[in-house]
Each structure stands twice: as structure tokens, then as C-alpha cells.
C-alpha atoms as a PDB file:
ATOM      1  CA  GLN A   1      88.868 -72.158  47.000  1.00  0.00           C
ATOM      2  CA  VAL A   2      85.409 -71.317  45.694  1.00  0.00           C
ATOM      3  CA  GLN A   3      84.372 -72.852  42.400  1.00  0.00           C
ATOM      4  CA  LEU A   4      81.057 -72.279  40.635  1.00  0.00           C
ATOM      5  CA  VAL A   5      80.081 -74.269  37.563  1.00  0.00           C
ATOM      6  CA  GLU A   6      76.986 -73.331  35.560  1.00  0.00           C
ATOM      7  CA  SER A   7      75.144 -75.710  33.284  1.00  0.00           C
ATOM      8  CA  GLY A   8      71.771 -76.093  31.612  1.00  0.00           C
ATOM      9  CA  GLY A   9      72.001 -73.438  28.938  1.00  0.00           C
ATOM     10  CA  GLY A  10      71.094 -74.051  25.337  1.00  0.00           C
ATOM     11  CA  LEU A  11      68.819 -73.138  22.459  1.00  0.00           C
ATOM     12  CA  VAL A  12      65.121 -72.771  23.222  1.00  0.00           C
ATOM     13  CA  LEU A  13      62.098 -71.523  21.314  1.00  0.00           C
ATOM     14  CA  PRO A  14      60.350 -68.330  22.378  1.00  0.00           C
ATOM     15  CA  GLY A  15      57.864 -69.177  25.096  1.00  0.00           C
ATOM     16  CA  GLY A  16      59.942 -72.125  26.229  1.00  0.00           C
ATOM     17  CA  SER A  17      61.640 -72.921  29.513  1.00  0.00           C
ATOM     18  CA  LEU A  18      65.097 -73.781  30.772  1.00  0.00           C
ATOM     19  CA  ARG A  19      66.552 -74.584  34.167  1.00  0.00           C
ATOM     20  CA  LEU A  20      70.079 -73.453  34.862  1.00  0.00           C
ATOM     21  CA  SER A  21      72.214 -75.029  37.559  1.00  0.00           C
ATOM     22  CA  CYS A  22      75.165 -73.661  39.487  1.00  0.00           C
ATOM     23  CA  ALA A  23      77.158 -76.354  41.258  1.00  0.00           C
ATOM     24  CA  ALA A  24      79.272 -74.934  44.055  1.00  0.00           C
ATOM     25  CA  SER A  25      82.376 -76.122  45.859  1.00  0.00           C
ATOM     26  CA  GLY A  26      84.325 -74.398  48.593  1.00  0.00           C
ATOM     27  CA  ILE A  27      81.150 -72.836  50.000  1.00  0.00           C
ATOM     28  CA  SER A  28      77.785 -73.987  51.259  1.00  0.00           C
ATOM     29  CA  VAL A  29      74.906 -72.707  49.125  1.00  0.00           C
ATOM     30  CA  GLY A  30      72.634 -72.928  52.147  1.00  0.00           C
ATOM     31  CA  THR A  31      74.595 -70.343  54.121  1.00  0.00           C
ATOM     32  CA  THR A  32      75.948 -68.129  51.354  1.00  0.00           C
ATOM     33  CA  ALA A  33      74.060 -65.388  49.562  1.00  0.00           C
ATOM     34  CA  MET A  34      74.173 -66.125  45.858  1.00  0.00           C
ATOM     35  CA  GLY A  35      72.788 -64.740  42.664  1.00  0.00           C
ATOM     36  CA  TRP A  36      72.349 -64.928  38.919  1.00  0.00           C
ATOM     37  CA  TYR A  37      73.405 -62.320  36.376  1.00  0.00           C
ATOM     38  CA  ARG A  38      73.361 -62.203  32.617  1.00  0.00           C
ATOM     39  CA  GLN A  39      75.181 -60.427  29.827  1.00  0.00           C
ATOM     40  CA  ALA A  40      73.784 -60.027  26.354  1.00  0.00           C
ATOM     41  CA  PRO A  41      76.023 -59.231  23.374  1.00  0.00           C
ATOM     42  CA  GLY A  42      77.102 -55.614  23.429  1.00  0.00           C
ATOM     43  CA  LYS A  43      75.472 -54.965  26.800  1.00  0.00           C
ATOM     44  CA  GLN A  44      76.631 -54.714  30.377  1.00  0.00           C
ATOM     45  CA  ARG A  45      76.169 -57.552  32.808  1.00  0.00           C
ATOM     46  CA  GLU A  46      72.816 -57.175  34.566  1.00  0.00           C
ATOM     47  CA  PHE A  47      71.305 -58.523  37.744  1.00  0.00           C
ATOM     48  CA  VAL A  48      68.743 -61.308  37.464  1.00  0.00           C
ATOM     49  CA  ALA A  49      68.028 -62.669  40.960  1.00  0.00           C
ATOM     50  CA  ASN A  50      69.459 -63.238  44.431  1.00  0.00           C
ATOM     51  CA  ILE A  51      68.821 -65.844  47.077  1.00  0.00           C
ATOM     52  CA  PHE A  52      69.896 -65.198  50.636  1.00  0.00           C
ATOM     53  CA  SER A  53      71.009 -67.489  53.411  1.00  0.00           C
ATOM     54  CA  GLY A  54      67.628 -67.231  55.095  1.00  0.00           C
ATOM     55  CA  GLY A  55      65.933 -68.436  51.917  1.00  0.00           C
ATOM     56  CA  ASN A  56      64.356 -65.186  50.803  1.00  0.00           C
ATOM     57  CA  SER A  57      64.908 -64.012  47.262  1.00  0.00           C
ATOM     58  CA  GLU A  58      64.714 -60.962  45.057  1.00  0.00           C
ATOM     59  CA  TYR A  59      64.395 -60.443  41.320  1.00  0.00           C
ATOM     60  CA  ALA A  60      64.988 -57.857  38.680  1.00  0.00           C
ATOM     61  CA  GLU A  61      61.670 -56.345  37.698  1.00  0.00           C
ATOM     62  CA  SER A  62      61.585 -57.839  34.212  1.00  0.00           C
ATOM     63  CA  MET A  63      62.163 -61.368  35.576  1.00  0.00           C
ATOM     64  CA  LYS A  64      59.465 -61.329  38.260  1.00  0.00           C
ATOM     65  CA  GLY A  65      56.843 -63.968  37.632  1.00  0.00           C
ATOM     66  CA  ARG A  66      58.905 -65.698  34.954  1.00  0.00           C
ATOM     67  CA  PHE A  67      62.128 -66.713  36.729  1.00  0.00           C
ATOM     68  CA  THR A  68      62.508 -68.590  39.998  1.00  0.00           C
ATOM     69  CA  ILE A  69      65.737 -68.900  41.950  1.00  0.00           C
ATOM     70  CA  SER A  70      66.163 -71.839  44.299  1.00  0.00           C
ATOM     71  CA  ARG A  71      68.787 -74.082  45.848  1.00  0.00           C
ATOM     72  CA  ASP A  72      69.289 -77.661  46.948  1.00  0.00           C
ATOM     73  CA  ASN A  73      71.500 -77.770  49.993  1.00  0.00           C
ATOM     74  CA  THR A  74      71.992 -81.540  49.708  1.00  0.00           C
ATOM     75  CA  LYS A  75      73.449 -81.112  46.222  1.00  0.00           C
ATOM     76  CA  ASN A  76      75.131 -77.808  47.059  1.00  0.00           C
ATOM     77  CA  THR A  77      73.590 -76.400  43.893  1.00  0.00           C
ATOM     78  CA  MET A  78      71.646 -73.263  43.035  1.00  0.00           C
ATOM     79  CA  TYR A  79      69.092 -73.144  40.236  1.00  0.00           C
ATOM     80  CA  LEU A  80      67.346 -70.654  38.001  1.00  0.00           C
ATOM     81  CA  GLN A  81      64.080 -71.822  36.480  1.00  0.00           C
ATOM     82  CA  MET A  82      63.257 -69.640  33.490  1.00  0.00           C
ATOM     83  CA  ASN A  83      59.799 -69.725  31.912  1.00  0.00           C
ATOM     84  CA  SER A  84      58.111 -67.774  29.119  1.00  0.00           C
ATOM     85  CA  LEU A  85      61.457 -66.999  27.557  1.00  0.00           C
ATOM     86  CA  THR A  86      61.743 -64.298  24.920  1.00  0.00           C
ATOM     87  CA  VAL A  87      64.488 -63.399  22.485  1.00  0.00           C
ATOM     88  CA  GLU A  88      65.444 -60.597  24.888  1.00  0.00           C
ATOM     89  CA  ASP A  89      66.490 -63.249  27.400  1.00  0.00           C
ATOM     90  CA  THR A  90      69.308 -64.372  25.121  1.00  0.00           C
ATOM     91  CA  ALA A  91      72.554 -63.919  27.052  1.00  0.00           C
ATOM     92  CA  VAL A  92      75.352 -65.626  28.894  1.00  0.00           C
ATOM     93  CA  TYR A  93      74.116 -66.385  32.392  1.00  0.00           C
ATOM     94  CA  TYR A  94      76.514 -66.305  35.328  1.00  0.00           C
ATOM     95  CA  CYS A  95      76.120 -67.391  38.924  1.00  0.00           C
ATOM     96  CA  ALA A  96      77.771 -65.522  41.764  1.00  0.00           C
ATOM     97  CA  ALA A  97      78.543 -66.196  45.406  1.00  0.00           C
ATOM     98  CA  TYR A  98      78.852 -63.195  47.721  1.00  0.00           C
ATOM     99  CA  ARG A  99      81.403 -63.492  50.496  1.00  0.00           C
ATOM    100  CA  TYR A 100      82.596 -60.914  52.977  1.00  0.00           C
ATOM    101  CA  ASP A 101      85.802 -60.304  51.062  1.00  0.00           C
ATOM    102  CA  ALA A 102      84.941 -61.006  47.431  1.00  0.00           C
ATOM    103  CA  THR A 103      82.373 -62.158  44.939  1.00  0.00           C
ATOM    104  CA  SER A 104      83.093 -65.382  43.102  1.00  0.00           C
ATOM    105  CA  TRP A 105      81.812 -65.971  39.578  1.00  0.00           C
ATOM    106  CA  GLY A 106      81.212 -68.980  37.412  1.00  0.00           C
ATOM    107  CA  GLN A 107      82.298 -69.223  33.791  1.00  0.00           C
ATOM    108  CA  GLY A 108      78.794 -68.699  32.425  1.00  0.00           C
ATOM    109  CA  THR A 109      76.353 -70.702  30.342  1.00  0.00           C
ATOM    110  CA  GLN A 110      74.864 -69.523  27.046  1.00  0.00           C
ATOM    111  CA  VAL A 111      71.108 -69.219  26.692  1.00  0.00           C
ATOM    112  CA  THR A 112      69.791 -68.546  23.209  1.00  0.00           C
ATOM    113  CA  VAL A 113      66.095 -67.937  22.601  1.00  0.00           C
ATOM    114  CA  SER A 114      65.303 -68.126  18.928  1.00  0.00           C
ATOM    115  CA  SER A 115      62.779 -69.502  16.488  1.00  0.00           C
END
């Protein structure tokens, strides 16, 4: 059974940084395509970034240059480094693992950017 557990969210000032973690069990992050999404209050869940089994990645346009997705195969954990945060980045952030038959989701971690 796949389990994804996000952590690392919190309150940060505009311009600050946070690193989110997604600890996985039941899959290997090194061989599974995975991604990050976010959902702000009153808005639909939106794509943030993907990382693929070969190591390449892709980002939503507004996150390019500010966010970096990565993984540590030894810890079976995926990360999202977020820099230059703005109030518009406030949302619940979810990690996802894409398998041939289903996508698994974590429970989410709240990120609040506020002065």
C-alpha cells in the first residue's frame, strides 16, 4: 500500500523560503514519477512540479526559477524547495505518486506566506 506523508509547511514571511518533504512508503521514489500540487482557499488544485524516474523535472510556469523539486533515494523522500515566496503561494501543498493504475496522494501540508 502506498503512503505519502508531507511535512515542512508553516508560516513564512514574504520573500522567505521553505522546504517541503514527502516521505514515501510502498513505492520507490527513485523509480516512480512523482509531483507536487497545491490548493489555495476557494481555488482548484493546481500543478506545481513533477520529477520523473530518469531524474528530469518540469514546473508550472509561475514556479520556474523559484521552486526546485528533488528526491533522495536513500531516504525514499521527495522534496520541494521553495524560495522567494509570495502571499500568492499560500496553499495546502500535496505530493503525488503516479502509478500505472492510480495516483496516490498525501494528506497535504499548509504553507502560509504572510507578514
